[in-house]
């Protein structure tokens, strides 16, 4: 089949044949460059897709962490309120214990006084 491709060149001057050969070489070289660039383009597109997926994954992870952080902050607030309530309850109970302790001491003094009176 190549003989049919070359047939049209018959009768051309060596100078023209040389120029045709140079042009054919240039076309082959340009085709190879085009293939290489197409391969580079496809590689870069694949890398871009990979990076886009990575960014999307990072965004999803950031959103998840943000929700988890919000949940933890709410839990901390809830625990802080519970701590304050327990602390207040403890102060109230300590105050009650102090009052009862004072009453107990007063009752002991009254009992001692009464016992002294009984002995007289």
N, C-alpha and C. Protein backbone atom coordinates (compact mmCIF):
# COMPACT_ATOMS: atom_id res chain seq x y z
N UNK A 1 0.81 -1.19 0.00
CA UNK A 1 0.00 0.00 0.00
C UNK A 1 0.86 1.26 0.00
N UNK A 2 2.04 1.16 0.61
CA UNK A 2 2.90 2.33 0.67
C UNK A 2 3.35 2.77 -0.73
N UNK A 3 3.37 1.84 -1.67
CA UNK A 3 3.75 2.24 -3.03
C UNK A 3 2.73 3.20 -3.63
N UNK A 4 1.43 3.06 -3.24
CA UNK A 4 0.42 3.97 -3.75
C UNK A 4 0.59 5.35 -3.12
N UNK A 5 0.98 5.36 -1.86
CA UNK A 5 1.19 6.62 -1.16
C UNK A 5 2.37 7.36 -1.78
N UNK A 6 3.40 6.63 -2.18
CA UNK A 6 4.61 7.23 -2.72
C UNK A 6 4.48 7.54 -4.22
N UNK A 7 3.49 7.01 -4.88
CA UNK A 7 3.34 7.14 -6.33
C UNK A 7 3.19 8.59 -6.78
N UNK A 8 2.52 9.37 -6.00
CA UNK A 8 2.28 10.76 -6.39
C UNK A 8 3.55 11.60 -6.42
N UNK A 9 4.61 11.06 -5.78
CA UNK A 9 5.87 11.79 -5.70
C UNK A 9 6.74 11.58 -6.94
N UNK A 10 6.36 10.64 -7.78
CA UNK A 10 7.20 10.34 -8.96
C UNK A 10 7.30 11.55 -9.88
N UNK A 11 8.45 11.76 -10.33
CA UNK A 11 8.68 12.83 -11.28
C UNK A 11 8.96 14.17 -10.64
N UNK A 12 8.94 14.24 -9.34
CA UNK A 12 9.23 15.50 -8.68
C UNK A 12 10.74 15.69 -8.55
N UNK A 13 11.15 16.94 -8.51
CA UNK A 13 12.58 17.24 -8.42
C UNK A 13 13.09 16.84 -7.03
N UNK A 14 14.40 16.53 -6.97
CA UNK A 14 14.99 16.14 -5.68
C UNK A 14 14.81 17.23 -4.62
N UNK A 15 14.83 18.44 -5.05
CA UNK A 15 14.66 19.55 -4.10
C UNK A 15 13.25 19.52 -3.51
N UNK A 16 12.25 19.29 -4.35
CA UNK A 16 10.86 19.22 -3.89
C UNK A 16 10.67 17.98 -3.02
N UNK A 17 11.29 16.87 -3.45
CA UNK A 17 11.21 15.63 -2.65
C UNK A 17 11.83 15.83 -1.27
N UNK A 18 12.94 16.55 -1.24
CA UNK A 18 13.60 16.85 0.04
C UNK A 18 12.66 17.67 0.93
N UNK A 19 12.01 18.67 0.33
CA UNK A 19 11.10 19.52 1.08
C UNK A 19 9.92 18.69 1.59
N UNK A 20 9.38 17.80 0.72
CA UNK A 20 8.27 16.92 1.13
C UNK A 20 8.70 16.03 2.29
N UNK A 21 9.89 15.50 2.20
CA UNK A 21 10.42 14.64 3.26
C UNK A 21 10.55 15.44 4.57
N UNK A 22 11.04 16.66 4.48
CA UNK A 22 11.15 17.51 5.66
C UNK A 22 9.77 17.78 6.27
N UNK A 23 8.80 18.06 5.40
CA UNK A 23 7.45 18.33 5.88
C UNK A 23 6.83 17.09 6.53
N UNK A 24 7.06 15.92 5.89
CA UNK A 24 6.53 14.67 6.47
C UNK A 24 7.18 14.38 7.82
N UNK A 25 8.47 14.66 7.94
CA UNK A 25 9.18 14.47 9.21
C UNK A 25 8.62 15.42 10.27
N UNK A 26 8.37 16.65 9.82
CA UNK A 26 7.81 17.64 10.74
C UNK A 26 6.42 17.20 11.20
N UNK A 27 5.60 16.68 10.27
CA UNK A 27 4.27 16.20 10.63
C UNK A 27 4.37 15.06 11.64
N UNK A 28 5.27 14.11 11.42
CA UNK A 28 5.45 13.00 12.36
C UNK A 28 5.87 13.50 13.74
N UNK A 29 6.80 14.45 13.72
CA UNK A 29 7.28 15.01 14.98
C UNK A 29 6.13 15.72 15.70
N UNK A 30 5.36 16.49 14.97
CA UNK A 30 4.24 17.21 15.57
C UNK A 30 3.18 16.24 16.10
N UNK A 31 2.96 15.13 15.38
CA UNK A 31 2.01 14.12 15.87
C UNK A 31 2.49 13.52 17.18
N UNK A 32 3.80 13.24 17.26
CA UNK A 32 4.35 12.70 18.50
C UNK A 32 4.23 13.72 19.64
N UNK A 33 4.53 14.98 19.34
CA UNK A 33 4.40 16.02 20.36
C UNK A 33 2.95 16.13 20.82
N UNK A 34 2.03 16.07 19.85
CA UNK A 34 0.61 16.14 20.18
C UNK A 34 0.22 14.98 21.08
N UNK A 35 0.70 13.78 20.78
CA UNK A 35 0.39 12.61 21.61
C UNK A 35 0.96 12.79 23.02
N UNK A 36 2.19 13.29 23.08
CA UNK A 36 2.80 13.52 24.40
C UNK A 36 2.01 14.55 25.19
N UNK A 37 1.63 15.62 24.53
CA UNK A 37 0.86 16.66 25.22
C UNK A 37 -0.52 16.16 25.61
N UNK A 38 -1.11 15.32 24.75
CA UNK A 38 -2.41 14.75 25.10
C UNK A 38 -2.27 13.86 26.35
N UNK A 39 -1.19 13.09 26.38
CA UNK A 39 -0.93 12.24 27.55
C UNK A 39 -0.71 13.10 28.79
N UNK A 40 0.07 14.19 28.65
CA UNK A 40 0.29 15.10 29.77
C UNK A 40 -1.02 15.72 30.24
N UNK A 41 -1.85 16.12 29.27
CA UNK A 41 -3.13 16.71 29.60
C UNK A 41 -4.00 15.72 30.37
N UNK A 42 -4.05 14.48 29.89
CA UNK A 42 -4.84 13.46 30.57
C UNK A 42 -4.30 13.19 31.97
N UNK A 43 -2.97 13.17 32.09
CA UNK A 43 -2.36 12.97 33.41
C UNK A 43 -2.69 14.13 34.35
N UNK A 44 -2.61 15.34 33.82
CA UNK A 44 -2.93 16.51 34.65
C UNK A 44 -4.41 16.53 35.03
N UNK A 45 -5.28 16.13 34.10
CA UNK A 45 -6.70 16.08 34.42
C UNK A 45 -6.98 15.04 35.51
N UNK A 46 -6.29 13.90 35.41
CA UNK A 46 -6.45 12.87 36.44
C UNK A 46 -5.96 13.38 37.79
N UNK A 47 -4.82 14.07 37.78
CA UNK A 47 -4.28 14.63 39.02
C UNK A 47 -5.23 15.69 39.58
N UNK A 48 -5.81 16.49 38.70
CA UNK A 48 -6.76 17.51 39.13
C UNK A 48 -7.99 16.87 39.76
N UNK A 49 -8.51 15.83 39.15
CA UNK A 49 -9.66 15.12 39.72
C UNK A 49 -9.32 14.55 41.09
N UNK A 50 -8.12 13.99 41.19
CA UNK A 50 -7.68 13.44 42.46
C UNK A 50 -7.61 14.53 43.53
N UNK A 51 -7.08 15.70 43.16
CA UNK A 51 -6.99 16.82 44.10
C UNK A 51 -8.38 17.33 44.47
N UNK A 52 -9.28 17.39 43.47
CA UNK A 52 -10.64 17.83 43.77
C UNK A 52 -11.31 16.88 44.76
N UNK A 53 -11.09 15.57 44.55
CA UNK A 53 -11.66 14.58 45.47
C UNK A 53 -11.06 14.74 46.86
N UNK A 54 -9.76 15.00 46.90
CA UNK A 54 -9.08 15.19 48.18
C UNK A 54 -9.65 16.42 48.90
N UNK A 55 -9.85 17.52 48.15
CA UNK A 55 -10.41 18.73 48.73
C UNK A 55 -11.82 18.46 49.24
N UNK A 56 -12.61 17.73 48.46
CA UNK A 56 -13.98 17.40 48.87
C UNK A 56 -13.96 16.57 50.15
N UNK A 57 -13.06 15.60 50.21
CA UNK A 57 -12.93 14.77 51.41
C UNK A 57 -12.53 15.63 52.61
N UNK A 58 -11.61 16.56 52.40
CA UNK A 58 -11.17 17.44 53.48
C UNK A 58 -12.33 18.34 53.95
N UNK A 59 -13.12 18.83 52.99
CA UNK A 59 -14.28 19.65 53.36
C UNK A 59 -15.26 18.84 54.19
N UNK A 60 -15.51 17.60 53.76
CA UNK A 60 -16.42 16.74 54.51
C UNK A 60 -15.89 16.47 55.91
N UNK A 61 -14.59 16.20 55.99
CA UNK A 61 -13.99 15.94 57.31
C UNK A 61 -14.06 17.19 58.19
N UNK A 62 -13.81 18.35 57.58
CA UNK A 62 -13.89 19.60 58.33
C UNK A 62 -15.31 19.84 58.85
N UNK A 63 -16.30 19.55 58.01
CA UNK A 63 -17.69 19.72 58.43
C UNK A 63 -18.02 18.76 59.57
N UNK A 64 -17.54 17.53 59.45
CA UNK A 64 -17.78 16.54 60.51
C UNK A 64 -17.12 17.00 61.81
N UNK A 65 -15.89 17.47 61.72
CA UNK A 65 -15.18 17.94 62.91
C UNK A 65 -15.87 19.17 63.50
N UNK A 66 -16.39 20.02 62.65
CA UNK A 66 -17.10 21.21 63.14
C UNK A 66 -18.35 20.80 63.90
N UNK A 67 -19.11 19.82 63.35
CA UNK A 67 -20.30 19.34 64.06
C UNK A 67 -19.91 18.68 65.38
N UNK A 68 -18.86 17.88 65.35
CA UNK A 68 -18.41 17.22 66.58
C UNK A 68 -17.96 18.25 67.61
N UNK A 69 -17.26 19.28 67.15
CA UNK A 69 -16.81 20.34 68.05
C UNK A 69 -18.00 21.05 68.67
N UNK A 70 -19.01 21.34 67.85
CA UNK A 70 -20.22 22.00 68.36
C UNK A 70 -20.89 21.13 69.42
N UNK A 71 -20.98 19.84 69.13
CA UNK A 71 -21.59 18.90 70.07
C UNK A 71 -20.81 18.87 71.38
N UNK A 72 -19.49 18.85 71.28
CA UNK A 72 -18.66 18.83 72.48
C UNK A 72 -18.78 20.14 73.28
N UNK A 73 -18.89 21.25 72.57
CA UNK A 73 -19.08 22.53 73.26
C UNK A 73 -20.41 22.55 74.01
N UNK A 74 -21.45 22.03 73.38
CA UNK A 74 -22.75 21.95 74.05
C UNK A 74 -22.68 21.05 75.27
N UNK A 75 -21.97 19.92 75.13
CA UNK A 75 -21.80 19.01 76.25
C UNK A 75 -21.03 19.69 77.38
N UNK A 76 -19.98 20.43 77.03
CA UNK A 76 -19.20 21.15 78.05
C UNK A 76 -20.08 22.18 78.78
N UNK A 77 -20.89 22.89 77.99
CA UNK A 77 -21.80 23.86 78.62
C UNK A 77 -22.76 23.18 79.58
N UNK A 78 -23.29 22.05 79.15
CA UNK A 78 -24.22 21.30 79.98
C UNK A 78 -23.52 20.81 81.25
N UNK A 79 -22.31 20.30 81.11
CA UNK A 79 -21.56 19.84 82.28
C UNK A 79 -21.22 21.00 83.21
N UNK A 80 -20.89 22.14 82.65
CA UNK A 80 -20.57 23.31 83.47
C UNK A 80 -21.80 23.74 84.27
N UNK A 81 -22.97 23.73 83.64
CA UNK A 81 -24.20 24.09 84.36
C UNK A 81 -24.50 23.09 85.46
N UNK A 82 -24.29 21.79 85.16
CA UNK A 82 -24.51 20.76 86.18
C UNK A 82 -23.53 20.94 87.33
N UNK A 83 -22.27 21.27 87.01
CA UNK A 83 -21.26 21.50 88.05
C UNK A 83 -21.67 22.68 88.93
N UNK A 84 -22.15 23.76 88.31
CA UNK A 84 -22.56 24.92 89.08
C UNK A 84 -23.75 24.59 89.98
N UNK A 85 -24.69 23.81 89.47
CA UNK A 85 -25.85 23.41 90.27
C UNK A 85 -25.41 22.56 91.45
N UNK A 86 -24.52 21.58 91.19
CA UNK A 86 -24.03 20.72 92.26
C UNK A 86 -23.25 21.54 93.28
N UNK A 87 -22.45 22.48 92.80
CA UNK A 87 -21.69 23.34 93.71
C UNK A 87 -22.63 24.17 94.58
N UNK A 88 -23.67 24.69 93.98
CA UNK A 88 -24.66 25.47 94.75
C UNK A 88 -25.35 24.58 95.77
N UNK A 89 -25.76 23.37 95.33
CA UNK A 89 -26.40 22.42 96.26
C UNK A 89 -25.47 22.09 97.42
N UNK A 90 -24.19 21.90 97.12
CA UNK A 90 -23.21 21.60 98.16
C UNK A 90 -23.11 22.75 99.16
N UNK A 91 -23.07 23.98 98.65
CA UNK A 91 -23.01 25.14 99.56
C UNK A 91 -24.25 25.21 100.44
N UNK A 92 -25.42 24.93 99.86
CA UNK A 92 -26.65 24.94 100.65
C UNK A 92 -26.58 23.89 101.74
N UNK A 93 -26.13 22.67 101.37
CA UNK A 93 -26.04 21.58 102.35
C UNK A 93 -25.00 21.89 103.42
N UNK A 94 -23.87 22.47 103.05
CA UNK A 94 -22.86 22.85 104.03
C UNK A 94 -23.44 23.88 105.00
N UNK A 95 -24.18 24.81 104.45
CA UNK A 95 -24.82 25.83 105.29
C UNK A 95 -25.80 25.16 106.26
N UNK A 96 -26.59 24.21 105.77
CA UNK A 96 -27.54 23.49 106.63
C UNK A 96 -26.80 22.71 107.71
N UNK A 97 -25.68 22.06 107.32
CA UNK A 97 -24.89 21.30 108.29
C UNK A 97 -24.35 22.26 109.36
N UNK A 98 -23.87 23.41 108.94
CA UNK A 98 -23.35 24.38 109.92
C UNK A 98 -24.46 24.85 110.87
N UNK A 99 -25.63 25.09 110.32
CA UNK A 99 -26.76 25.51 111.17
C UNK A 99 -27.11 24.41 112.17
N UNK A 100 -27.19 23.17 111.66
CA UNK A 100 -27.53 22.04 112.55
C UNK A 100 -26.44 21.79 113.57
N UNK A 101 -25.19 21.98 113.14
CA UNK A 101 -24.08 21.82 114.08
C UNK A 101 -24.18 22.87 115.19
N UNK A 102 -24.52 24.08 114.82
CA UNK A 102 -24.71 25.14 115.82
C UNK A 102 -25.86 24.81 116.75
N UNK A 103 -26.95 24.27 116.17
CA UNK A 103 -28.09 23.88 117.00
C UNK A 103 -27.70 22.75 117.95
N UNK A 104 -26.90 21.80 117.43
CA UNK A 104 -26.45 20.69 118.26
C UNK A 104 -25.61 21.20 119.42
N UNK A 105 -24.67 22.09 119.14
CA UNK A 105 -23.84 22.66 120.21
C UNK A 105 -24.70 23.41 121.22
N UNK A 106 -25.67 24.14 120.73
CA UNK A 106 -26.56 24.87 121.63
C UNK A 106 -27.36 23.89 122.49
N UNK A 107 -27.81 22.80 121.85
CA UNK A 107 -28.57 21.79 122.61
C UNK A 107 -27.68 21.11 123.64
N UNK A 108 -26.43 20.85 123.30
CA UNK A 108 -25.50 20.24 124.26
C UNK A 108 -25.31 21.15 125.46
N UNK A 109 -25.16 22.44 125.20
CA UNK A 109 -24.97 23.39 126.31
C UNK A 109 -26.22 23.44 127.18
N UNK A 110 -27.38 23.39 126.49
CA UNK A 110 -28.63 23.38 127.27
C UNK A 110 -28.70 22.12 128.13
N UNK A 111 -28.32 20.97 127.57
CA UNK A 111 -28.34 19.70 128.32
C UNK A 111 -27.37 19.79 129.49
N UNK A 112 -26.18 20.30 129.27
CA UNK A 112 -25.19 20.43 130.34
C UNK A 112 -25.71 21.35 131.44
N UNK A 113 -26.33 22.42 131.01
CA UNK A 113 -26.87 23.36 131.98
C UNK A 113 -27.98 22.70 132.80
N UNK A 114 -28.83 21.97 132.11
CA UNK A 114 -29.93 21.29 132.80
C UNK A 114 -29.39 20.21 133.74
N UNK A 115 -28.35 19.49 133.26
CA UNK A 115 -27.76 18.46 134.13
C UNK A 115 -27.15 19.10 135.39
N UNK A 116 -26.53 20.26 135.21
CA UNK A 116 -25.97 20.97 136.36
C UNK A 116 -27.08 21.39 137.35
N UNK A 117 -28.18 21.83 136.77
CA UNK A 117 -29.28 22.23 137.63
C UNK A 117 -29.86 21.04 138.38
N UNK A 118 -29.92 19.91 137.71
CA UNK A 118 -30.43 18.68 138.33
C UNK A 118 -29.52 18.22 139.49
N UNK A 119 -28.26 18.39 139.33
CA UNK A 119 -27.30 17.97 140.34
C UNK A 119 -27.43 18.87 141.57
N UNK A 120 -27.87 20.07 141.44
CA UNK A 120 -27.97 21.00 142.57
C UNK A 120 -29.17 20.67 143.32
